[in-house]
Amino acid sequence: GKRIVLLDAADVVWGGVENELVFVHTRDERYMMNTTLTDLEKRLDPSRFFRVHRSTIVNLDHVIEIVPWFSGKYKVVVDDQERSELVLSRGRARELGEILPW
């Protein structure tokens, strides 16, 4: 909107698409970005950030729980204020299981 906020990547808990806009979430705030999720993903360290779904990227340092959901899907719970539950697609679950063994 009226200002540009510079964030340290370590403070980003997750990023996602909401109503065709990209937002990044810290523990306490949500910021709109003027970019695509794919461009954001390219700017982030792939050893720390993982695309859990076509519309969501998560900072692995902020994952606190992985919960079975249905149809082979899971929910990834992060340590933001809302304890957001992010959908982990079936196709990405195996790869995340190799990174964060469970």
PDB file of N, CA and C in Angstrom:
ATOM      1  N   GLY A   1       0.789  -1.184   0.000  1.00  0.00           N
ATOM      2  CA  GLY A   1       0.000   0.000   0.000  1.00  0.00           C
ATOM      3  C   GLY A   1       0.839   1.260   0.000  1.00  0.00           C
ATOM      4  N   LYS A   2       1.044   1.811   1.151  1.00  0.00           N
ATOM      5  CA  LYS A   2       1.685   3.114   1.252  1.00  0.00           C
ATOM      6  C   LYS A   2       3.150   3.043   1.651  1.00  0.00           C
ATOM      7  N   ARG A   3       3.659   1.831   1.879  1.00  0.00           N
ATOM      8  CA  ARG A   3       5.061   1.722   2.297  1.00  0.00           C
ATOM      9  C   ARG A   3       5.655   0.408   1.825  1.00  0.00           C
ATOM     10  N   ILE A   4       6.970   0.371   1.818  1.00  0.00           N
ATOM     11  CA  ILE A   4       7.703  -0.834   1.450  1.00  0.00           C
ATOM     12  C   ILE A   4       8.417  -1.319   2.710  1.00  0.00           C
ATOM     13  N   VAL A   5       8.155  -2.553   3.082  1.00  0.00           N
ATOM     14  CA  VAL A   5       8.754  -3.141   4.278  1.00  0.00           C
ATOM     15  C   VAL A   5       9.761  -4.191   3.836  1.00  0.00           C
ATOM     16  N   LEU A   6      10.983  -4.076   4.330  1.00  0.00           N
ATOM     17  CA  LEU A   6      12.020  -5.052   4.017  1.00  0.00           C
ATOM     18  C   LEU A   6      12.042  -6.092   5.124  1.00  0.00           C
ATOM     19  N   LEU A   7      11.916  -7.350   4.744  1.00  0.00           N
ATOM     20  CA  LEU A   7      11.883  -8.439   5.709  1.00  0.00           C
ATOM     21  C   LEU A   7      13.117  -9.309   5.570  1.00  0.00           C
ATOM     22  N   ASP A   8      13.600  -9.800   6.676  1.00  0.00           N
ATOM     23  CA  ASP A   8      14.650 -10.810   6.668  1.00  0.00           C
ATOM     24  C   ASP A   8      13.964 -12.131   6.325  1.00  0.00           C
ATOM     25  N   ALA A   9      14.542 -12.888   5.414  1.00  0.00           N
ATOM     26  CA  ALA A   9      13.925 -14.157   4.996  1.00  0.00           C
ATOM     27  C   ALA A   9      13.686 -15.082   6.176  1.00  0.00           C
ATOM     28  N   ALA A  10      14.531 -15.031   7.189  1.00  0.00           N
ATOM     29  CA  ALA A  10      14.357 -15.895   8.361  1.00  0.00           C
ATOM     30  C   ALA A  10      13.074 -15.565   9.122  1.00  0.00           C
ATOM     31  N   ASP A  11      12.574 -14.344   8.976  1.00  0.00           N
ATOM     32  CA  ASP A  11      11.341 -13.939   9.662  1.00  0.00           C
ATOM     33  C   ASP A  11      10.083 -14.367   8.918  1.00  0.00           C
ATOM     34  N   VAL A  12      10.234 -14.776   7.670  1.00  0.00           N
ATOM     35  CA  VAL A  12       9.083 -15.216   6.875  1.00  0.00           C
ATOM     36  C   VAL A  12       8.715 -16.631   7.304  1.00  0.00           C
ATOM     37  N   VAL A  13       7.496 -16.810   7.792  1.00  0.00           N
ATOM     38  CA  VAL A  13       7.013 -18.126   8.218  1.00  0.00           C
ATOM     39  C   VAL A  13       6.458 -18.878   7.019  1.00  0.00           C
ATOM     40  N   TRP A  14       5.642 -18.197   6.228  1.00  0.00           N
ATOM     41  CA  TRP A  14       5.092 -18.821   5.014  1.00  0.00           C
ATOM     42  C   TRP A  14       4.605 -17.755   4.056  1.00  0.00           C
ATOM     43  N   GLY A  15       4.442 -18.160   2.802  1.00  0.00           N
ATOM     44  CA  GLY A  15       3.917 -17.283   1.778  1.00  0.00           C
ATOM     45  C   GLY A  15       2.851 -18.024   1.000  1.00  0.00           C
ATOM     46  N   GLY A  16       1.864 -17.279   0.547  1.00  0.00           N
ATOM     47  CA  GLY A  16       0.804 -17.939  -0.181  1.00  0.00           C
ATOM     48  C   GLY A  16      -0.020 -16.994  -1.025  1.00  0.00           C
ATOM     49  N   VAL A  17      -0.835 -17.582  -1.868  1.00  0.00           N
ATOM     50  CA  VAL A  17      -1.726 -16.834  -2.746  1.00  0.00           C
ATOM     51  C   VAL A  17      -3.108 -16.796  -2.106  1.00  0.00           C
ATOM     52  N   GLU A  18      -3.656 -15.597  -2.016  1.00  0.00           N
ATOM     53  CA  GLU A  18      -5.000 -15.398  -1.491  1.00  0.00           C
ATOM     54  C   GLU A  18      -5.723 -14.441  -2.432  1.00  0.00           C
ATOM     55  N   ASN A  19      -6.772 -14.916  -3.068  1.00  0.00           N
ATOM     56  CA  ASN A  19      -7.537 -14.086  -4.015  1.00  0.00           C
ATOM     57  C   ASN A  19      -6.635 -13.466  -5.079  1.00  0.00           C
ATOM     58  N   GLU A  20      -5.753 -14.279  -5.634  1.00  0.00           N
ATOM     59  CA  GLU A  20      -4.838 -13.908  -6.712  1.00  0.00           C
ATOM     60  C   GLU A  20      -3.768 -12.908  -6.303  1.00  0.00           C
ATOM     61  N   LEU A  21      -3.597 -12.645  -5.008  1.00  0.00           N
ATOM     62  CA  LEU A  21      -2.533 -11.781  -4.501  1.00  0.00           C
ATOM     63  C   LEU A  21      -1.580 -12.633  -3.673  1.00  0.00           C
ATOM     64  N   VAL A  22      -0.299 -12.274  -3.692  1.00  0.00           N
ATOM     65  CA  VAL A  22       0.704 -13.005  -2.916  1.00  0.00           C
ATOM     66  C   VAL A  22       0.949 -12.274  -1.604  1.00  0.00           C
ATOM     67  N   PHE A  23       0.891 -13.021  -0.509  1.00  0.00           N
ATOM     68  CA  PHE A  23       1.170 -12.482   0.817  1.00  0.00           C
ATOM     69  C   PHE A  23       2.261 -13.309   1.465  1.00  0.00           C
ATOM     70  N   VAL A  24       3.119 -12.653   2.242  1.00  0.00           N
ATOM     71  CA  VAL A  24       4.047 -13.384   3.097  1.00  0.00           C
ATOM     72  C   VAL A  24       3.623 -13.116   4.535  1.00  0.00           C
ATOM     73  N   HIS A  25       3.776 -14.148   5.352  1.00  0.00           N
ATOM     74  CA  HIS A  25       3.353 -14.079   6.749  1.00  0.00           C
ATOM     75  C   HIS A  25       4.576 -14.228   7.644  1.00  0.00           C
ATOM     76  N   THR A  26       4.699 -13.327   8.608  1.00  0.00           N
ATOM     77  CA  THR A  26       5.681 -13.482   9.670  1.00  0.00           C
ATOM     78  C   THR A  26       4.922 -14.033  10.873  1.00  0.00           C
ATOM     79  N   ARG A  27       5.540 -14.092  12.014  1.00  0.00           N
ATOM     80  CA  ARG A  27       4.810 -14.597  13.186  1.00  0.00           C
ATOM     81  C   ARG A  27       3.635 -13.710  13.566  1.00  0.00           C
ATOM     82  N   ASP A  28       3.761 -12.401  13.314  1.00  0.00           N
ATOM     83  CA  ASP A  28       2.748 -11.460  13.788  1.00  0.00           C
ATOM     84  C   ASP A  28       1.999 -10.703  12.699  1.00  0.00           C
ATOM     85  N   GLU A  29       2.545 -10.647  11.488  1.00  0.00           N
ATOM     86  CA  GLU A  29       1.985  -9.780  10.453  1.00  0.00           C
ATOM     87  C   GLU A  29       1.824 -10.513   9.131  1.00  0.00           C
ATOM     88  N   ARG A  30       1.087  -9.873   8.227  1.00  0.00           N
ATOM     89  CA  ARG A  30       0.905 -10.359   6.859  1.00  0.00           C
ATOM     90  C   ARG A  30       1.195  -9.187   5.932  1.00  0.00           C
ATOM     91  N   TYR A  31       2.010  -9.442   4.900  1.00  0.00           N
ATOM     92  CA  TYR A  31       2.414  -8.391   3.972  1.00  0.00           C
ATOM     93  C   TYR A  31       2.095  -8.803   2.537  1.00  0.00           C
ATOM     94  N   MET A  32       1.502  -7.892   1.782  1.00  0.00           N
ATOM     95  CA  MET A  32       1.230  -8.153   0.382  1.00  0.00           C
ATOM     96  C   MET A  32       2.497  -7.891  -0.425  1.00  0.00           C
ATOM     97  N   MET A  33       2.725  -8.731  -1.427  1.00  0.00           N
ATOM     98  CA  MET A  33       3.883  -8.566  -2.301  1.00  0.00           C
ATOM     99  C   MET A  33       3.417  -8.360  -3.729  1.00  0.00           C
ATOM    100  N   ASN A  34       4.164  -7.577  -4.449  1.00  0.00           N
ATOM    101  CA  ASN A  34       3.874  -7.338  -5.852  1.00  0.00           C
ATOM    102  C   ASN A  34       4.744  -8.273  -6.690  1.00  0.00           C
ATOM    103  N   THR A  35       4.459  -9.553  -6.619  1.00  0.00           N
ATOM    104  CA  THR A  35       5.217 -10.580  -7.326  1.00  0.00           C
ATOM    105  C   THR A  35       4.348 -11.818  -7.462  1.00  0.00           C
ATOM    106  N   THR A  36       4.845 -12.796  -8.157  1.00  0.00           N
ATOM    107  CA  THR A  36       4.153 -14.083  -8.224  1.00  0.00           C
ATOM    108  C   THR A  36       4.777 -15.014  -7.190  1.00  0.00           C
ATOM    109  N   LEU A  37       4.079 -16.066  -6.861  1.00  0.00           N
ATOM    110  CA  LEU A  37       4.616 -17.036  -5.912  1.00  0.00           C
ATOM    111  C   LEU A  37       5.856 -17.719  -6.488  1.00  0.00           C
ATOM    112  N   THR A  38       5.862 -17.961  -7.779  1.00  0.00           N
ATOM    113  CA  THR A  38       7.017 -18.576  -8.432  1.00  0.00           C
ATOM    114  C   THR A  38       8.237 -17.668  -8.332  1.00  0.00           C
ATOM    115  N   ASP A  39       8.061 -16.375  -8.562  1.00  0.00           N
ATOM    116  CA  ASP A  39       9.183 -15.435  -8.433  1.00  0.00           C
ATOM    117  C   ASP A  39       9.666 -15.352  -6.990  1.00  0.00           C
ATOM    118  N   LEU A  40       8.740 -15.353  -6.044  1.00  0.00           N
ATOM    119  CA  LEU A  40       9.130 -15.353  -4.634  1.00  0.00           C
ATOM    120  C   LEU A  40       9.933 -16.596  -4.309  1.00  0.00           C
ATOM    121  N   GLU A  41       9.473 -17.740  -4.772  1.00  0.00           N
ATOM    122  CA  GLU A  41      10.168 -19.003  -4.518  1.00  0.00           C
ATOM    123  C   GLU A  41      11.598 -18.955  -5.055  1.00  0.00           C
ATOM    124  N   LYS A  42      11.809 -18.363  -6.208  1.00  0.00           N
ATOM    125  CA  LYS A  42      13.149 -18.253  -6.796  1.00  0.00           C
ATOM    126  C   LYS A  42      14.075 -17.379  -5.962  1.00  0.00           C
ATOM    127  N   ARG A  43      13.518 -16.424  -5.223  1.00  0.00           N
ATOM    128  CA  ARG A  43      14.317 -15.500  -4.414  1.00  0.00           C
ATOM    129  C   ARG A  43      14.682 -16.077  -3.048  1.00  0.00           C
ATOM    130  N   LEU A  44      14.020 -17.135  -2.644  1.00  0.00           N
ATOM    131  CA  LEU A  44      14.244 -17.709  -1.317  1.00  0.00           C
ATOM    132  C   LEU A  44      15.188 -18.900  -1.381  1.00  0.00           C
ATOM    133  N   ASP A  45      15.881 -19.159  -0.287  1.00  0.00           N
ATOM    134  CA  ASP A  45      16.839 -20.259  -0.178  1.00  0.00           C
ATOM    135  C   ASP A  45      16.092 -21.594  -0.237  1.00  0.00           C
ATOM    136  N   PRO A  46      16.351 -22.410  -1.267  1.00  0.00           N
ATOM    137  CA  PRO A  46      15.624 -23.680  -1.400  1.00  0.00           C
ATOM    138  C   PRO A  46      15.959 -24.701  -0.308  1.00  0.00           C
ATOM    139  N   SER A  47      17.021 -24.482   0.435  1.00  0.00           N
ATOM    140  CA  SER A  47      17.317 -25.402   1.540  1.00  0.00           C
ATOM    141  C   SER A  47      16.489 -25.065   2.783  1.00  0.00           C
ATOM    142  N   ARG A  48      15.874 -23.883   2.813  1.00  0.00           N
ATOM    143  CA  ARG A  48      15.064 -23.463   3.960  1.00  0.00           C
ATOM    144  C   ARG A  48      13.579 -23.354   3.636  1.00  0.00           C
ATOM    145  N   PHE A  49      13.259 -23.084   2.373  1.00  0.00           N
ATOM    146  CA  PHE A  49      11.868 -22.867   1.980  1.00  0.00           C
ATOM    147  C   PHE A  49      11.422 -23.984   1.057  1.00  0.00           C
ATOM    148  N   PHE A  50      10.196 -24.456   1.275  1.00  0.00           N
ATOM    149  CA  PHE A  50       9.674 -25.607   0.544  1.00  0.00           C
ATOM    150  C   PHE A  50       8.262 -25.306   0.076  1.00  0.00           C
ATOM    151  N   ARG A  51       7.994 -25.603  -1.180  1.00  0.00           N
ATOM    152  CA  ARG A  51       6.653 -25.396  -1.727  1.00  0.00           C
ATOM    153  C   ARG A  51       5.799 -26.601  -1.377  1.00  0.00           C
ATOM    154  N   VAL A  52       4.906 -26.423  -0.415  1.00  0.00           N
ATOM    155  CA  VAL A  52       4.074 -27.528   0.067  1.00  0.00           C
ATOM    156  C   VAL A  52       2.844 -27.755  -0.800  1.00  0.00           C
ATOM    157  N   HIS A  53       2.500 -26.751  -1.587  1.00  0.00           N
ATOM    158  CA  HIS A  53       1.299 -26.794  -2.417  1.00  0.00           C
ATOM    159  C   HIS A  53       1.498 -25.773  -3.531  1.00  0.00           C
ATOM    160  N   ARG A  54       0.737 -25.877  -4.586  1.00  0.00           N
ATOM    161  CA  ARG A  54       0.927 -24.931  -5.693  1.00  0.00           C
ATOM    162  C   ARG A  54       0.692 -23.487  -5.267  1.00  0.00           C
ATOM    163  N   SER A  55      -0.002 -23.285  -4.157  1.00  0.00           N
ATOM    164  CA  SER A  55      -0.301 -21.926  -3.705  1.00  0.00           C
ATOM    165  C   SER A  55       0.380 -21.553  -2.389  1.00  0.00           C
ATOM    166  N   THR A  56       1.331 -22.372  -1.910  1.00  0.00           N
ATOM    167  CA  THR A  56       1.913 -22.111  -0.600  1.00  0.00           C
ATOM    168  C   THR A  56       3.383 -22.530  -0.524  1.00  0.00           C
ATOM    169  N   ILE A  57       4.187 -21.647   0.065  1.00  0.00           N
ATOM    170  CA  ILE A  57       5.596 -21.921   0.366  1.00  0.00           C
ATOM    171  C   ILE A  57       5.758 -21.784   1.878  1.00  0.00           C
ATOM    172  N   VAL A  58       6.537 -22.669   2.491  1.00  0.00           N
ATOM    173  CA  VAL A  58       6.721 -22.619   3.940  1.00  0.00           C
ATOM    174  C   VAL A  58       8.209 -22.582   4.286  1.00  0.00           C
ATOM    175  N   ASN A  59       8.533 -21.851   5.346  1.00  0.00           N
ATOM    176  CA  ASN A  59       9.885 -21.828   5.898  1.00  0.00           C
ATOM    177  C   ASN A  59      10.005 -23.049   6.811  1.00  0.00           C
ATOM    178  N   LEU A  60      10.864 -23.981   6.461  1.00  0.00           N
ATOM    179  CA  LEU A  60      10.991 -25.239   7.213  1.00  0.00           C
ATOM    180  C   LEU A  60      11.408 -25.014   8.659  1.00  0.00           C
ATOM    181  N   ASP A  61      12.071 -23.900   8.950  1.00  0.00           N
ATOM    182  CA  ASP A  61      12.474 -23.596  10.326  1.00  0.00           C
ATOM    183  C   ASP A  61      11.280 -23.289  11.219  1.00  0.00           C
ATOM    184  N   HIS A  62      10.133 -23.017  10.631  1.00  0.00           N
ATOM    185  CA  HIS A  62       8.940 -22.653  11.400  1.00  0.00           C
ATOM    186  C   HIS A  62       7.884 -23.752  11.446  1.00  0.00           C
ATOM    187  N   VAL A  63       8.182 -24.911  10.878  1.00  0.00           N
ATOM    188  CA  VAL A  63       7.237 -26.039  10.918  1.00  0.00           C
ATOM    189  C   VAL A  63       7.292 -26.675  12.302  1.00  0.00           C
ATOM    190  N   ILE A  64       6.127 -26.813  12.942  1.00  0.00           N
ATOM    191  CA  ILE A  64       6.104 -27.414  14.279  1.00  0.00           C
ATOM    192  C   ILE A  64       5.371 -28.750  14.311  1.00  0.00           C
ATOM    193  N   GLU A  65       4.580 -29.023  13.266  1.00  0.00           N
ATOM    194  CA  GLU A  65       3.804 -30.264  13.276  1.00  0.00           C
ATOM    195  C   GLU A  65       3.351 -30.604  11.863  1.00  0.00           C
ATOM    196  N   ILE A  66       3.272 -31.897  11.570  1.00  0.00           N
ATOM    197  CA  ILE A  66       2.705 -32.385  10.320  1.00  0.00           C
ATOM    198  C   ILE A  66       1.590 -33.351  10.701  1.00  0.00           C
ATOM    199  N   VAL A  67       0.373 -33.025  10.267  1.00  0.00           N
ATOM    200  CA  VAL A  67      -0.814 -33.753  10.706  1.00  0.00           C
ATOM    201  C   VAL A  67      -1.470 -34.449   9.515  1.00  0.00           C
ATOM    202  N   PRO A  68      -1.702 -35.773   9.596  1.00  0.00           N
ATOM    203  CA  PRO A  68      -2.426 -36.450   8.523  1.00  0.00           C
ATOM    204  C   PRO A  68      -3.809 -35.821   8.353  1.00  0.00           C
ATOM    205  N   TRP A  69      -4.228 -35.684   7.111  1.00  0.00           N
ATOM    206  CA  TRP A  69      -5.505 -35.065   6.835  1.00  0.00           C
ATOM    207  C   TRP A  69      -6.407 -36.086   6.167  1.00  0.00           C
ATOM    208  N   PHE A  70      -6.612 -36.062   4.879  1.00  0.00           N
ATOM    209  CA  PHE A  70      -7.399 -37.083   4.197  1.00  0.00           C
ATOM    210  C   PHE A  70      -6.857 -37.257   2.777  1.00  0.00           C
ATOM    211  N   SER A  71      -7.182 -38.388   2.165  1.00  0.00           N
ATOM    212  CA  SER A  71      -6.771 -38.709   0.793  1.00  0.00           C
ATOM    213  C   SER A  71      -5.270 -38.576   0.574  1.00  0.00           C
ATOM    214  N   GLY A  72      -4.483 -38.956   1.568  1.00  0.00           N
ATOM    215  CA  GLY A  72      -3.034 -38.902   1.431  1.00  0.00           C
ATOM    216  C   GLY A  72      -2.445 -37.523   1.596  1.00  0.00           C
ATOM    217  N   LYS A  73      -3.261 -36.566   1.968  1.00  0.00           N
ATOM    218  CA  LYS A  73      -2.781 -35.201   2.195  1.00  0.00           C
ATOM    219  C   LYS A  73      -2.449 -35.023   3.669  1.00  0.00           C
ATOM    220  N   TYR A  74      -1.700 -33.972   3.940  1.00  0.00           N
ATOM    221  CA  TYR A  74      -1.329 -33.617   5.309  1.00  0.00           C
ATOM    222  C   TYR A  74      -1.545 -32.124   5.485  1.00  0.00           C
ATOM    223  N   LYS A  75      -1.538 -31.707   6.725  1.00  0.00           N
ATOM    224  CA  LYS A  75      -1.512 -30.283   7.062  1.00  0.00           C
ATOM    225  C   LYS A  75      -0.190 -30.014   7.756  1.00  0.00           C
ATOM    226  N   VAL A  76       0.467 -28.938   7.347  1.00  0.00           N
ATOM    227  CA  VAL A  76       1.711 -28.502   7.958  1.00  0.00           C
ATOM    228  C   VAL A  76       1.354 -27.349   8.890  1.00  0.00           C
ATOM    229  N   VAL A  77       1.645 -27.489  10.173  1.00  0.00           N
ATOM    230  CA  VAL A  77       1.337 -26.458  11.154  1.00  0.00           C
ATOM    231  C   VAL A  77       2.614 -25.654  11.408  1.00  0.00           C
ATOM    232  N   VAL A  78       2.478 -24.316  11.356  1.00  0.00           N
ATOM    233  CA  VAL A  78       3.627 -23.438  11.550  1.00  0.00           C
ATOM    234  C   VAL A  78       3.459 -22.613  12.818  1.00  0.00           C
ATOM    235  N   ASP A  79       4.555 -22.001  13.248  1.00  0.00           N
ATOM    236  CA  ASP A  79       4.559 -21.316  14.543  1.00  0.00           C
ATOM    237  C   ASP A  79       4.227 -19.826  14.471  1.00  0.00           C
ATOM    238  N   ASP A  80       3.320 -19.441  13.575  1.00  0.00           N
ATOM    239  CA  ASP A  80       2.853 -18.059  13.596  1.00  0.00           C
ATOM    240  C   ASP A  80       1.786 -17.915  14.678  1.00  0.00           C
ATOM    241  N   GLN A  81       1.317 -16.703  14.878  1.00  0.00           N
ATOM    242  CA  GLN A  81       0.340 -16.446  15.942  1.00  0.00           C
ATOM    243  C   GLN A  81      -0.925 -17.284  15.804  1.00  0.00           C
ATOM    244  N   GLU A  82      -1.355 -17.534  14.574  1.00  0.00           N
ATOM    245  CA  GLU A  82      -2.588 -18.282  14.335  1.00  0.00           C
ATOM    246  C   GLU A  82      -2.379 -19.786  14.321  1.00  0.00           C
ATOM    247  N   ARG A  83      -1.121 -20.234  14.425  1.00  0.00           N
ATOM    248  CA  ARG A  83      -0.804 -21.658  14.254  1.00  0.00           C
ATOM    249  C   ARG A  83      -1.440 -22.144  12.945  1.00  0.00           C
ATOM    250  N   SER A  84      -1.105 -21.445  11.866  1.00  0.00           N
ATOM    251  CA  SER A  84      -1.686 -21.721  10.553  1.00  0.00           C
ATOM    252  C   SER A  84      -1.465 -23.168  10.150  1.00  0.00           C
ATOM    253  N   GLU A  85      -2.490 -23.752   9.549  1.00  0.00           N
ATOM    254  CA  GLU A  85      -2.435 -25.117   9.033  1.00  0.00           C
ATOM    255  C   GLU A  85      -2.437 -25.028   7.518  1.00  0.00           C
ATOM    256  N   LEU A  86      -1.321 -25.392   6.907  1.00  0.00           N
ATOM    257  CA  LEU A  86      -1.132 -25.275   5.467  1.00  0.00           C
ATOM    258  C   LEU A  86      -1.265 -26.646   4.825  1.00  0.00           C
ATOM    259  N   VAL A  87      -1.986 -26.730   3.725  1.00  0.00           N
ATOM    260  CA  VAL A  87      -2.194 -28.006   3.044  1.00  0.00           C
ATOM    261  C   VAL A  87      -0.892 -28.451   2.378  1.00  0.00           C
ATOM    262  N   LEU A  88      -0.508 -29.693   2.645  1.00  0.00           N
ATOM    263  CA  LEU A  88       0.628 -30.335   1.985  1.00  0.00           C
ATOM    264  C   LEU A  88       0.040 -31.302   0.970  1.00  0.00           C
ATOM    265  N   SER A  89       0.297 -31.053  -0.303  1.00  0.00           N
ATOM    266  CA  SER A  89      -0.284 -31.907  -1.331  1.00  0.00           C
ATOM    267  C   SER A  89       0.338 -33.294  -1.302  1.00  0.00           C
ATOM    268  N   ARG A  90      -0.400 -34.261  -1.803  1.00  0.00           N
ATOM    269  CA  ARG A  90       0.097 -35.640  -1.849  1.00  0.00           C
ATOM    270  C   ARG A  90       1.402 -35.723  -2.616  1.00  0.00           C
ATOM    271  N   GLY A  91       1.488 -35.012  -3.726  1.00  0.00           N
ATOM    272  CA  GLY A  91       2.678 -35.058  -4.559  1.00  0.00           C
ATOM    273  C   GLY A  91       3.921 -34.509  -3.885  1.00  0.00           C
ATOM    274  N   ARG A  92       3.741 -33.605  -2.937  1.00  0.00           N
ATOM    275  CA  ARG A  92       4.879 -32.990  -2.247  1.00  0.00           C
ATOM    276  C   ARG A  92       5.192 -33.678  -0.916  1.00  0.00           C
ATOM    277  N   ALA A  93       4.289 -34.508  -0.416  1.00  0.00           N
ATOM    278  CA  ALA A  93       4.462 -35.144   0.888  1.00  0.00           C
ATOM    279  C   ALA A  93       5.693 -36.041   0.933  1.00  0.00           C
ATOM    280  N   ARG A  94       5.907 -36.835  -0.088  1.00  0.00           N
ATOM    281  CA  ARG A  94       7.055 -37.748  -0.100  1.00  0.00           C
ATOM    282  C   ARG A  94       8.362 -36.959  -0.063  1.00  0.00           C
ATOM    283  N   GLU A  95       8.451 -35.904  -0.873  1.00  0.00           N
ATOM    284  CA  GLU A  95       9.671 -35.096  -0.906  1.00  0.00           C
ATOM    285  C   GLU A  95       9.913 -34.400   0.430  1.00  0.00           C
ATOM    286  N   LEU A  96       8.864 -33.879   1.048  1.00  0.00           N
ATOM    287  CA  LEU A  96       9.027 -33.249   2.358  1.00  0.00           C
ATOM    288  C   LEU A  96       9.430 -34.284   3.394  1.00  0.00           C
ATOM    289  N   GLY A  97       8.909 -35.510   3.283  1.00  0.00           N
ATOM    290  CA  GLY A  97       9.284 -36.586   4.190  1.00  0.00           C
ATOM    291  C   GLY A  97      10.757 -36.941   4.117  1.00  0.00           C
ATOM    292  N   GLU A  98      11.372 -36.713   2.969  1.00  0.00           N
ATOM    293  CA  GLU A  98      12.813 -36.932   2.836  1.00  0.00           C
ATOM    294  C   GLU A  98      13.630 -35.829   3.481  1.00  0.00           C
ATOM    295  N   ILE A  99      13.067 -34.607   3.478  1.00  0.00           N
ATOM    296  CA  ILE A  99      13.751 -33.456   4.070  1.00  0.00           C
ATOM    297  C   ILE A  99      13.558 -33.425   5.583  1.00  0.00           C
ATOM    298  N   LEU A 100      12.318 -33.612   6.010  1.00  0.00           N
ATOM    299  CA  LEU A 100      11.957 -33.640   7.432  1.00  0.00           C
ATOM    300  C   LEU A 100      11.405 -35.023   7.741  1.00  0.00           C
ATOM    301  N   PRO A 101      12.271 -36.002   7.985  1.00  0.00           N
ATOM    302  CA  PRO A 101      11.775 -37.373   8.184  1.00  0.00           C
ATOM    303  C   PRO A 101      10.742 -37.464   9.295  1.00  0.00           C
ATOM    304  N   TRP A 102       9.621 -38.137   8.989  1.00  0.00           N
ATOM    305  CA  TRP A 102       8.601 -38.383  10.015  1.00  0.00           C
ATOM    306  C   TRP A 102       8.084 -39.787   9.876  1.00  0.00           C
TER     307      TRP A 102
END
